[in-house]
ModelCIF file with pLDDT and N, C-alpha, C, O atoms, coordinates in Angstrom:
data_MODEL
#
_entry.id   MODEL 
#
_entity.id                         1 
_entity.type                       polymer 
_entity.pdbx_number_of_molecules   1 
#
_entity_poly.entity_id                      1 
_entity_poly.type                           'polypeptide(L)' 
_entity_poly.nstd_linkage                   no 
_entity_poly.nstd_monomer                   no 
_entity_poly.pdbx_seq_one_letter_code       PFDYFFWVARNASRTVVIDCGYEAAVGVRRKRPLTITPADA 
_entity_poly.pdbx_seq_one_letter_code_can   PFDYFFWVARNASRTVVIDCGYEAAVGVRRKRPLTITPADA 
_entity_poly.pdbx_strand_id                 A 
#
loop_
_entity_poly_seq.entity_id 
_entity_poly_seq.num 
_entity_poly_seq.mon_id 
_entity_poly_seq.hetero 
1 1  PRO n 
1 2  PHE n 
1 3  ASP n 
1 4  TYR n 
1 5  PHE n 
1 6  PHE n 
1 7  TRP n 
1 8  VAL n 
1 9  ALA n 
1 10 ARG n 
1 11 ASN n 
1 12 ALA n 
1 13 SER n 
1 14 ARG n 
1 15 THR n 
1 16 VAL n 
1 17 VAL n 
1 18 ILE n 
1 19 ASP n 
1 20 CYS n 
1 21 GLY n 
1 22 TYR n 
1 23 GLU n 
1 24 ALA n 
1 25 ALA n 
1 26 VAL n 
1 27 GLY n 
1 28 VAL n 
1 29 ARG n 
1 30 ARG n 
1 31 LYS n 
1 32 ARG n 
1 33 PRO n 
1 34 LEU n 
1 35 THR n 
1 36 ILE n 
1 37 THR n 
1 38 PRO n 
1 39 ALA n 
1 40 ASP n 
1 41 ALA n 
#
_struct_asym.id          A 
_struct_asym.entity_id   1 
#
loop_
_ma_qa_metric.id 
_ma_qa_metric.mode 
_ma_qa_metric.name 
_ma_qa_metric.software_group_id 
_ma_qa_metric.type 
1 global pLDDT . pLDDT 
2 local  pLDDT . pLDDT 
#
_ma_qa_metric_global.metric_id      1 
_ma_qa_metric_global.metric_value   97.32 
_ma_qa_metric_global.model_id       1 
_ma_qa_metric_global.ordinal_id     1 
#
loop_
_ma_qa_metric_local.label_asym_id 
_ma_qa_metric_local.label_comp_id 
_ma_qa_metric_local.label_seq_id 
_ma_qa_metric_local.metric_id 
_ma_qa_metric_local.metric_value 
_ma_qa_metric_local.model_id 
_ma_qa_metric_local.ordinal_id 
A PRO 1  2 98.00 1 1  
A PHE 2  2 98.00 1 2  
A ASP 3  2 98.00 1 3  
A TYR 4  2 98.00 1 4  
A PHE 5  2 98.00 1 5  
A PHE 6  2 98.00 1 6  
A TRP 7  2 98.00 1 7  
A VAL 8  2 98.00 1 8  
A ALA 9  2 98.00 1 9  
A ARG 10 2 97.00 1 10 
A ASN 11 2 96.00 1 11 
A ALA 12 2 95.00 1 12 
A SER 13 2 95.00 1 13 
A ARG 14 2 96.00 1 14 
A THR 15 2 97.00 1 15 
A VAL 16 2 98.00 1 16 
A VAL 17 2 98.00 1 17 
A ILE 18 2 98.00 1 18 
A ASP 19 2 98.00 1 19 
A CYS 20 2 98.00 1 20 
A GLY 21 2 98.00 1 21 
A TYR 22 2 98.00 1 22 
A GLU 23 2 96.00 1 23 
A ALA 24 2 97.00 1 24 
A ALA 25 2 97.00 1 25 
A VAL 26 2 97.00 1 26 
A GLY 27 2 97.00 1 27 
A VAL 28 2 97.00 1 28 
A ARG 29 2 97.00 1 29 
A ARG 30 2 97.00 1 30 
A LYS 31 2 97.00 1 31 
A ARG 32 2 97.00 1 32 
A PRO 33 2 97.00 1 33 
A LEU 34 2 98.00 1 34 
A THR 35 2 97.00 1 35 
A ILE 36 2 98.00 1 36 
A THR 37 2 97.00 1 37 
A PRO 38 2 97.00 1 38 
A ALA 39 2 97.00 1 39 
A ASP 40 2 98.00 1 40 
A ALA 41 2 98.00 1 41 
#
loop_
_atom_site.group_PDB 
_atom_site.id 
_atom_site.type_symbol 
_atom_site.label_atom_id 
_atom_site.label_alt_id 
_atom_site.label_comp_id 
_atom_site.label_asym_id 
_atom_site.label_entity_id 
_atom_site.label_seq_id 
_atom_site.pdbx_PDB_ins_code 
_atom_site.Cartn_x 
_atom_site.Cartn_y 
_atom_site.Cartn_z 
_atom_site.occupancy 
_atom_site.B_iso_or_equiv 
_atom_site.pdbx_formal_charge 
_atom_site.auth_seq_id 
_atom_site.auth_comp_id 
_atom_site.auth_asym_id 
_atom_site.auth_atom_id 
_atom_site.pdbx_PDB_model_num 
ATOM 1   N N  . PRO A 1 1  ? -22.364 8.552  -12.541 1.00 98.00 ? 1  PRO A N  1 
ATOM 2   C CA . PRO A 1 1  ? -21.708 9.060  -12.061 1.00 98.00 ? 1  PRO A CA 1 
ATOM 3   C C  . PRO A 1 1  ? -20.686 9.943  -12.057 1.00 98.00 ? 1  PRO A C  1 
ATOM 4   O O  . PRO A 1 1  ? -20.297 10.435 -13.117 1.00 98.00 ? 1  PRO A O  1 
ATOM 5   N N  . PHE A 1 2  ? -20.113 10.260 -10.848 1.00 98.00 ? 2  PHE A N  1 
ATOM 6   C CA . PHE A 1 2  ? -19.601 11.358 -10.607 1.00 98.00 ? 2  PHE A CA 1 
ATOM 7   C C  . PHE A 1 2  ? -18.073 11.869 -9.772  1.00 98.00 ? 2  PHE A C  1 
ATOM 8   O O  . PHE A 1 2  ? -18.120 12.286 -8.615  1.00 98.00 ? 2  PHE A O  1 
ATOM 9   N N  . ASP A 1 3  ? -17.039 11.785 -10.380 1.00 98.00 ? 3  ASP A N  1 
ATOM 10  C CA . ASP A 1 3  ? -15.902 11.698 -9.591  1.00 98.00 ? 3  ASP A CA 1 
ATOM 11  C C  . ASP A 1 3  ? -15.142 12.815 -9.093  1.00 98.00 ? 3  ASP A C  1 
ATOM 12  O O  . ASP A 1 3  ? -15.294 13.985 -9.444  1.00 98.00 ? 3  ASP A O  1 
ATOM 13  N N  . TYR A 1 4  ? -14.186 12.309 -8.121  1.00 98.00 ? 4  TYR A N  1 
ATOM 14  C CA . TYR A 1 4  ? -13.825 13.974 -7.911  1.00 98.00 ? 4  TYR A CA 1 
ATOM 15  C C  . TYR A 1 4  ? -11.826 13.020 -8.430  1.00 98.00 ? 4  TYR A C  1 
ATOM 16  O O  . TYR A 1 4  ? -11.303 11.935 -8.683  1.00 98.00 ? 4  TYR A O  1 
ATOM 17  N N  . PHE A 1 5  ? -11.509 14.673 -8.257  1.00 98.00 ? 5  PHE A N  1 
ATOM 18  C CA . PHE A 1 5  ? -10.008 15.131 -8.710  1.00 98.00 ? 5  PHE A CA 1 
ATOM 19  C C  . PHE A 1 5  ? -9.453  16.019 -8.746  1.00 98.00 ? 5  PHE A C  1 
ATOM 20  O O  . PHE A 1 5  ? -9.881  16.994 -9.364  1.00 98.00 ? 5  PHE A O  1 
ATOM 21  N N  . PHE A 1 6  ? -8.101  16.033 -7.998  1.00 98.00 ? 6  PHE A N  1 
ATOM 22  C CA . PHE A 1 6  ? -7.392  16.016 -8.150  1.00 98.00 ? 6  PHE A CA 1 
ATOM 23  C C  . PHE A 1 6  ? -5.197  16.438 -9.010  1.00 98.00 ? 6  PHE A C  1 
ATOM 24  O O  . PHE A 1 6  ? -4.395  15.516 -9.161  1.00 98.00 ? 6  PHE A O  1 
ATOM 25  N N  . TRP A 1 7  ? -4.947  17.542 -9.269  1.00 98.00 ? 7  TRP A N  1 
ATOM 26  C CA . TRP A 1 7  ? -3.805  16.837 -10.532 1.00 98.00 ? 7  TRP A CA 1 
ATOM 27  C C  . TRP A 1 7  ? -2.970  17.353 -10.381 1.00 98.00 ? 7  TRP A C  1 
ATOM 28  O O  . TRP A 1 7  ? -2.714  18.277 -9.609  1.00 98.00 ? 7  TRP A O  1 
ATOM 29  N N  . VAL A 1 8  ? -2.175  16.637 -11.381 1.00 98.00 ? 8  VAL A N  1 
ATOM 30  C CA . VAL A 1 8  ? 0.089   16.684 -10.852 1.00 98.00 ? 8  VAL A CA 1 
ATOM 31  C C  . VAL A 1 8  ? 0.569   17.049 -11.487 1.00 98.00 ? 8  VAL A C  1 
ATOM 32  O O  . VAL A 1 8  ? 1.227   16.223 -12.120 1.00 98.00 ? 8  VAL A O  1 
ATOM 33  N N  . ALA A 1 9  ? 0.757   18.820 -12.022 1.00 98.00 ? 9  ALA A N  1 
ATOM 34  C CA . ALA A 1 9  ? 2.542   19.031 -13.010 1.00 98.00 ? 9  ALA A CA 1 
ATOM 35  C C  . ALA A 1 9  ? 3.581   18.786 -13.044 1.00 98.00 ? 9  ALA A C  1 
ATOM 36  O O  . ALA A 1 9  ? 4.511   19.455 -12.594 1.00 98.00 ? 9  ALA A O  1 
ATOM 37  N N  . ARG A 1 10 ? 3.615   17.901 -13.521 1.00 97.00 ? 10 ARG A N  1 
ATOM 38  C CA . ARG A 1 10 ? 5.127   17.280 -12.973 1.00 97.00 ? 10 ARG A CA 1 
ATOM 39  C C  . ARG A 1 10 ? 6.563   17.438 -13.896 1.00 97.00 ? 10 ARG A C  1 
ATOM 40  O O  . ARG A 1 10 ? 6.453   16.881 -14.988 1.00 97.00 ? 10 ARG A O  1 
ATOM 41  N N  . ASN A 1 11 ? 7.393   17.848 -13.749 1.00 96.00 ? 11 ASN A N  1 
ATOM 42  C CA . ASN A 1 11 ? 8.924   18.113 -14.478 1.00 96.00 ? 11 ASN A CA 1 
ATOM 43  C C  . ASN A 1 11 ? 10.245  17.337 -13.838 1.00 96.00 ? 11 ASN A C  1 
ATOM 44  O O  . ASN A 1 11 ? 10.021  16.265 -13.276 1.00 96.00 ? 11 ASN A O  1 
ATOM 45  N N  . ALA A 1 12 ? 11.538  17.799 -13.892 1.00 95.00 ? 12 ALA A N  1 
ATOM 46  C CA . ALA A 1 12 ? 12.358  17.750 -13.528 1.00 95.00 ? 12 ALA A CA 1 
ATOM 47  C C  . ALA A 1 12 ? 13.007  18.381 -12.682 1.00 95.00 ? 12 ALA A C  1 
ATOM 48  O O  . ALA A 1 12 ? 13.822  17.930 -11.877 1.00 95.00 ? 12 ALA A O  1 
ATOM 49  N N  . SER A 1 13 ? 12.464  20.092 -12.927 1.00 95.00 ? 13 SER A N  1 
ATOM 50  C CA . SER A 1 13 ? 13.099  20.617 -12.084 1.00 95.00 ? 13 SER A CA 1 
ATOM 51  C C  . SER A 1 13 ? 11.757  20.904 -11.251 1.00 95.00 ? 13 SER A C  1 
ATOM 52  O O  . SER A 1 13 ? 12.172  21.833 -10.559 1.00 95.00 ? 13 SER A O  1 
ATOM 53  N N  . ARG A 1 14 ? 10.278  20.701 -10.819 1.00 96.00 ? 14 ARG A N  1 
ATOM 54  C CA . ARG A 1 14 ? 10.082  21.275 -10.489 1.00 96.00 ? 14 ARG A CA 1 
ATOM 55  C C  . ARG A 1 14 ? 8.335   20.268 -9.967  1.00 96.00 ? 14 ARG A C  1 
ATOM 56  O O  . ARG A 1 14 ? 8.506   19.352 -10.771 1.00 96.00 ? 14 ARG A O  1 
ATOM 57  N N  . THR A 1 15 ? 7.237   19.964 -9.396  1.00 97.00 ? 15 THR A N  1 
ATOM 58  C CA . THR A 1 15 ? 5.873   19.993 -9.123  1.00 97.00 ? 15 THR A CA 1 
ATOM 59  C C  . THR A 1 15 ? 5.273   20.456 -8.546  1.00 97.00 ? 15 THR A C  1 
ATOM 60  O O  . THR A 1 15 ? 5.450   20.724 -7.358  1.00 97.00 ? 15 THR A O  1 
ATOM 61  N N  . VAL A 1 16 ? 4.130   20.762 -9.384  1.00 98.00 ? 16 VAL A N  1 
ATOM 62  C CA . VAL A 1 16 ? 3.052   21.481 -8.456  1.00 98.00 ? 16 VAL A CA 1 
ATOM 63  C C  . VAL A 1 16 ? 1.815   20.252 -8.603  1.00 98.00 ? 16 VAL A C  1 
ATOM 64  O O  . VAL A 1 16 ? 1.695   19.406 -9.490  1.00 98.00 ? 16 VAL A O  1 
ATOM 65  N N  . VAL A 1 17 ? 0.973   20.493 -7.410  1.00 98.00 ? 17 VAL A N  1 
ATOM 66  C CA . VAL A 1 17 ? 0.490   20.137 -7.212  1.00 98.00 ? 17 VAL A CA 1 
ATOM 67  C C  . VAL A 1 17 ? -1.503  20.388 -6.854  1.00 98.00 ? 17 VAL A C  1 
ATOM 68  O O  . VAL A 1 17 ? -2.022  20.279 -5.743  1.00 98.00 ? 17 VAL A O  1 
ATOM 69  N N  . ILE A 1 18 ? -2.229  20.727 -8.163  1.00 98.00 ? 18 ILE A N  1 
ATOM 70  C CA . ILE A 1 18 ? -3.759  21.928 -7.746  1.00 98.00 ? 18 ILE A CA 1 
ATOM 71  C C  . ILE A 1 18 ? -4.613  20.735 -7.932  1.00 98.00 ? 18 ILE A C  1 
ATOM 72  O O  . ILE A 1 18 ? -4.851  19.904 -8.808  1.00 98.00 ? 18 ILE A O  1 
ATOM 73  N N  . ASP A 1 19 ? -5.065  21.096 -6.391  1.00 98.00 ? 19 ASP A N  1 
ATOM 74  C CA . ASP A 1 19 ? -6.590  21.162 -5.402  1.00 98.00 ? 19 ASP A CA 1 
ATOM 75  C C  . ASP A 1 19 ? -6.274  20.617 -4.806  1.00 98.00 ? 19 ASP A C  1 
ATOM 76  O O  . ASP A 1 19 ? -5.193  20.631 -5.396  1.00 98.00 ? 19 ASP A O  1 
ATOM 77  N N  . CYS A 1 20 ? -6.013  19.692 -3.652  1.00 98.00 ? 20 CYS A N  1 
ATOM 78  C CA . CYS A 1 20 ? -6.245  18.458 -2.401  1.00 98.00 ? 20 CYS A CA 1 
ATOM 79  C C  . CYS A 1 20 ? -6.623  17.302 -2.218  1.00 98.00 ? 20 CYS A C  1 
ATOM 80  O O  . CYS A 1 20 ? -6.144  16.252 -1.790  1.00 98.00 ? 20 CYS A O  1 
ATOM 81  N N  . GLY A 1 21 ? -7.512  17.643 -2.591  1.00 98.00 ? 21 GLY A N  1 
ATOM 82  C CA . GLY A 1 21 ? -9.145  17.364 -2.211  1.00 98.00 ? 21 GLY A CA 1 
ATOM 83  C C  . GLY A 1 21 ? -9.813  17.113 -1.131  1.00 98.00 ? 21 GLY A C  1 
ATOM 84  O O  . GLY A 1 21 ? -9.942  18.331 -1.001  1.00 98.00 ? 21 GLY A O  1 
ATOM 85  N N  . TYR A 1 22 ? -10.362 16.699 -0.233  1.00 98.00 ? 22 TYR A N  1 
ATOM 86  C CA . TYR A 1 22 ? -10.904 15.943 1.252   1.00 98.00 ? 22 TYR A CA 1 
ATOM 87  C C  . TYR A 1 22 ? -10.637 15.075 1.957   1.00 98.00 ? 22 TYR A C  1 
ATOM 88  O O  . TYR A 1 22 ? -10.245 13.961 1.609   1.00 98.00 ? 22 TYR A O  1 
ATOM 89  N N  . GLU A 1 23 ? -10.872 15.597 3.423   1.00 96.00 ? 23 GLU A N  1 
ATOM 90  C CA . GLU A 1 23 ? -10.626 15.041 4.341   1.00 96.00 ? 23 GLU A CA 1 
ATOM 91  C C  . GLU A 1 23 ? -11.715 13.143 4.717   1.00 96.00 ? 23 GLU A C  1 
ATOM 92  O O  . GLU A 1 23 ? -12.917 12.976 4.922   1.00 96.00 ? 23 GLU A O  1 
ATOM 93  N N  . ALA A 1 24 ? -10.637 12.184 4.652   1.00 97.00 ? 24 ALA A N  1 
ATOM 94  C CA . ALA A 1 24 ? -11.181 11.084 4.851   1.00 97.00 ? 24 ALA A CA 1 
ATOM 95  C C  . ALA A 1 24 ? -12.834 10.965 5.370   1.00 97.00 ? 24 ALA A C  1 
ATOM 96  O O  . ALA A 1 24 ? -13.636 10.304 4.709   1.00 97.00 ? 24 ALA A O  1 
ATOM 97  N N  . ALA A 1 25 ? -13.224 11.666 6.594   1.00 97.00 ? 25 ALA A N  1 
ATOM 98  C CA . ALA A 1 25 ? -14.276 12.162 7.827   1.00 97.00 ? 25 ALA A CA 1 
ATOM 99  C C  . ALA A 1 25 ? -15.227 13.451 7.135   1.00 97.00 ? 25 ALA A C  1 
ATOM 100 O O  . ALA A 1 25 ? -16.299 13.769 7.650   1.00 97.00 ? 25 ALA A O  1 
ATOM 101 N N  . VAL A 1 26 ? -14.892 13.877 6.374   1.00 97.00 ? 26 VAL A N  1 
ATOM 102 C CA . VAL A 1 26 ? -15.647 14.554 5.622   1.00 97.00 ? 26 VAL A CA 1 
ATOM 103 C C  . VAL A 1 26 ? -15.554 13.435 4.397   1.00 97.00 ? 26 VAL A C  1 
ATOM 104 O O  . VAL A 1 26 ? -14.535 12.775 4.195   1.00 97.00 ? 26 VAL A O  1 
ATOM 105 N N  . GLY A 1 27 ? -16.207 13.373 3.972   1.00 97.00 ? 27 GLY A N  1 
ATOM 106 C CA . GLY A 1 27 ? -16.593 12.366 3.309   1.00 97.00 ? 27 GLY A CA 1 
ATOM 107 C C  . GLY A 1 27 ? -17.377 11.148 3.315   1.00 97.00 ? 27 GLY A C  1 
ATOM 108 O O  . GLY A 1 27 ? -18.159 10.761 2.446   1.00 97.00 ? 27 GLY A O  1 
ATOM 109 N N  . VAL A 1 28 ? -17.172 10.788 4.028   1.00 97.00 ? 28 VAL A N  1 
ATOM 110 C CA . VAL A 1 28 ? -17.577 9.470  5.295   1.00 97.00 ? 28 VAL A CA 1 
ATOM 111 C C  . VAL A 1 28 ? -19.315 10.294 5.489   1.00 97.00 ? 28 VAL A C  1 
ATOM 112 O O  . VAL A 1 28 ? -20.415 10.013 5.013   1.00 97.00 ? 28 VAL A O  1 
ATOM 113 N N  . ARG A 1 29 ? -18.897 11.236 6.293   1.00 97.00 ? 29 ARG A N  1 
ATOM 114 C CA . ARG A 1 29 ? -20.157 12.369 6.746   1.00 97.00 ? 29 ARG A CA 1 
ATOM 115 C C  . ARG A 1 29 ? -21.129 12.423 5.600   1.00 97.00 ? 29 ARG A C  1 
ATOM 116 O O  . ARG A 1 29 ? -22.255 11.946 5.460   1.00 97.00 ? 29 ARG A O  1 
ATOM 117 N N  . ARG A 1 30 ? -20.296 13.206 4.760   1.00 97.00 ? 30 ARG A N  1 
ATOM 118 C CA . ARG A 1 30 ? -20.931 13.948 3.487   1.00 97.00 ? 30 ARG A CA 1 
ATOM 119 C C  . ARG A 1 30 ? -21.462 12.733 2.158   1.00 97.00 ? 30 ARG A C  1 
ATOM 120 O O  . ARG A 1 30 ? -21.988 13.119 1.114   1.00 97.00 ? 30 ARG A O  1 
ATOM 121 N N  . LYS A 1 31 ? -21.184 11.213 2.484   1.00 97.00 ? 31 LYS A N  1 
ATOM 122 C CA . LYS A 1 31 ? -21.294 10.273 2.052   1.00 97.00 ? 31 LYS A CA 1 
ATOM 123 C C  . LYS A 1 31 ? -20.821 10.455 0.573   1.00 97.00 ? 31 LYS A C  1 
ATOM 124 O O  . LYS A 1 31 ? -21.598 10.119 -0.321  1.00 97.00 ? 31 LYS A O  1 
ATOM 125 N N  . ARG A 1 32 ? -19.744 10.905 0.300   1.00 97.00 ? 32 ARG A N  1 
ATOM 126 C CA . ARG A 1 32 ? -18.846 10.022 0.197   1.00 97.00 ? 32 ARG A CA 1 
ATOM 127 C C  . ARG A 1 32 ? -17.395 9.399  -0.417  1.00 97.00 ? 32 ARG A C  1 
ATOM 128 O O  . ARG A 1 32 ? -16.786 9.948  -1.335  1.00 97.00 ? 32 ARG A O  1 
ATOM 129 N N  . PRO A 1 33 ? -17.047 8.422  0.108   1.00 97.00 ? 33 PRO A N  1 
ATOM 130 C CA . PRO A 1 33 ? -16.251 7.916  1.138   1.00 97.00 ? 33 PRO A CA 1 
ATOM 131 C C  . PRO A 1 33 ? -14.656 8.635  0.181   1.00 97.00 ? 33 PRO A C  1 
ATOM 132 O O  . PRO A 1 33 ? -14.837 9.503  -0.672  1.00 97.00 ? 33 PRO A O  1 
ATOM 133 N N  . LEU A 1 34 ? -13.263 8.137  0.488   1.00 98.00 ? 34 LEU A N  1 
ATOM 134 C CA . LEU A 1 34 ? -12.429 8.251  -0.859  1.00 98.00 ? 34 LEU A CA 1 
ATOM 135 C C  . LEU A 1 34 ? -12.148 6.748  -0.911  1.00 98.00 ? 34 LEU A C  1 
ATOM 136 O O  . LEU A 1 34 ? -12.429 5.672  -0.382  1.00 98.00 ? 34 LEU A O  1 
ATOM 137 N N  . THR A 1 35 ? -11.375 7.368  -1.934  1.00 97.00 ? 35 THR A N  1 
ATOM 138 C CA . THR A 1 35 ? -10.949 5.922  -2.538  1.00 97.00 ? 35 THR A CA 1 
ATOM 139 C C  . THR A 1 35 ? -9.175  4.971  -2.289  1.00 97.00 ? 35 THR A C  1 
ATOM 140 O O  . THR A 1 35 ? -8.453  3.978  -2.191  1.00 97.00 ? 35 THR A O  1 
ATOM 141 N N  . ILE A 1 36 ? -9.533  6.791  -2.329  1.00 98.00 ? 36 ILE A N  1 
ATOM 142 C CA . ILE A 1 36 ? -7.887  6.195  -1.783  1.00 98.00 ? 36 ILE A CA 1 
ATOM 143 C C  . ILE A 1 36 ? -7.208  8.578  -1.318  1.00 98.00 ? 36 ILE A C  1 
ATOM 144 O O  . ILE A 1 36 ? -7.538  9.654  -1.818  1.00 98.00 ? 36 ILE A O  1 
ATOM 145 N N  . THR A 1 37 ? -6.308  8.198  -0.267  1.00 97.00 ? 37 THR A N  1 
ATOM 146 C CA . THR A 1 37 ? -5.848  9.743  0.110   1.00 97.00 ? 37 THR A CA 1 
ATOM 147 C C  . THR A 1 37 ? -5.013  10.479 -0.674  1.00 97.00 ? 37 THR A C  1 
ATOM 148 O O  . THR A 1 37 ? -3.884  10.011 -0.821  1.00 97.00 ? 37 THR A O  1 
ATOM 149 N N  . PRO A 1 38 ? -5.407  12.060 -1.510  1.00 97.00 ? 38 PRO A N  1 
ATOM 150 C CA . PRO A 1 38 ? -3.877  13.008 -1.467  1.00 97.00 ? 38 PRO A CA 1 
ATOM 151 C C  . PRO A 1 38 ? -3.063  12.927 -0.884  1.00 97.00 ? 38 PRO A C  1 
ATOM 152 O O  . PRO A 1 38 ? -2.306  13.810 -1.288  1.00 97.00 ? 38 PRO A O  1 
ATOM 153 N N  . ALA A 1 39 ? -2.569  12.375 -0.033  1.00 97.00 ? 39 ALA A N  1 
ATOM 154 C CA . ALA A 1 39 ? -1.364  11.889 0.112   1.00 97.00 ? 39 ALA A CA 1 
ATOM 155 C C  . ALA A 1 39 ? -1.054  10.191 -0.325  1.00 97.00 ? 39 ALA A C  1 
ATOM 156 O O  . ALA A 1 39 ? 0.017   9.999  -0.901  1.00 97.00 ? 39 ALA A O  1 
ATOM 157 N N  . ASP A 1 40 ? -1.788  9.192  -0.116  1.00 98.00 ? 40 ASP A N  1 
ATOM 158 C CA . ASP A 1 40 ? -1.491  8.488  0.337   1.00 98.00 ? 40 ASP A CA 1 
ATOM 159 C C  . ASP A 1 40 ? -0.947  8.143  -2.182  1.00 98.00 ? 40 ASP A C  1 
ATOM 160 O O  . ASP A 1 40 ? -0.232  7.293  -2.714  1.00 98.00 ? 40 ASP A O  1 
ATOM 161 N N  . ALA A 1 41 ? -1.753  9.274  -2.782  1.00 98.00 ? 41 ALA A N  1 
ATOM 162 C CA . ALA A 1 41 ? -1.439  9.064  -4.464  1.00 98.00 ? 41 ALA A CA 1 
ATOM 163 C C  . ALA A 1 41 ? -0.725  9.576  -4.667  1.00 98.00 ? 41 ALA A C  1 
ATOM 164 O O  . ALA A 1 41 ? -0.293  9.605  -5.819  1.00 98.00 ? 41 ALA A O  1 
#
């Protein structure tokens, strides 16, 4: 198995997102469909 991640660092002052995944259509074309969109997550 091979997973795909992005990361979130947050505290009371700020939120920083590290990387942001791929689009749903790209995932389908590359045969790795999304489990959840990064925006929804």
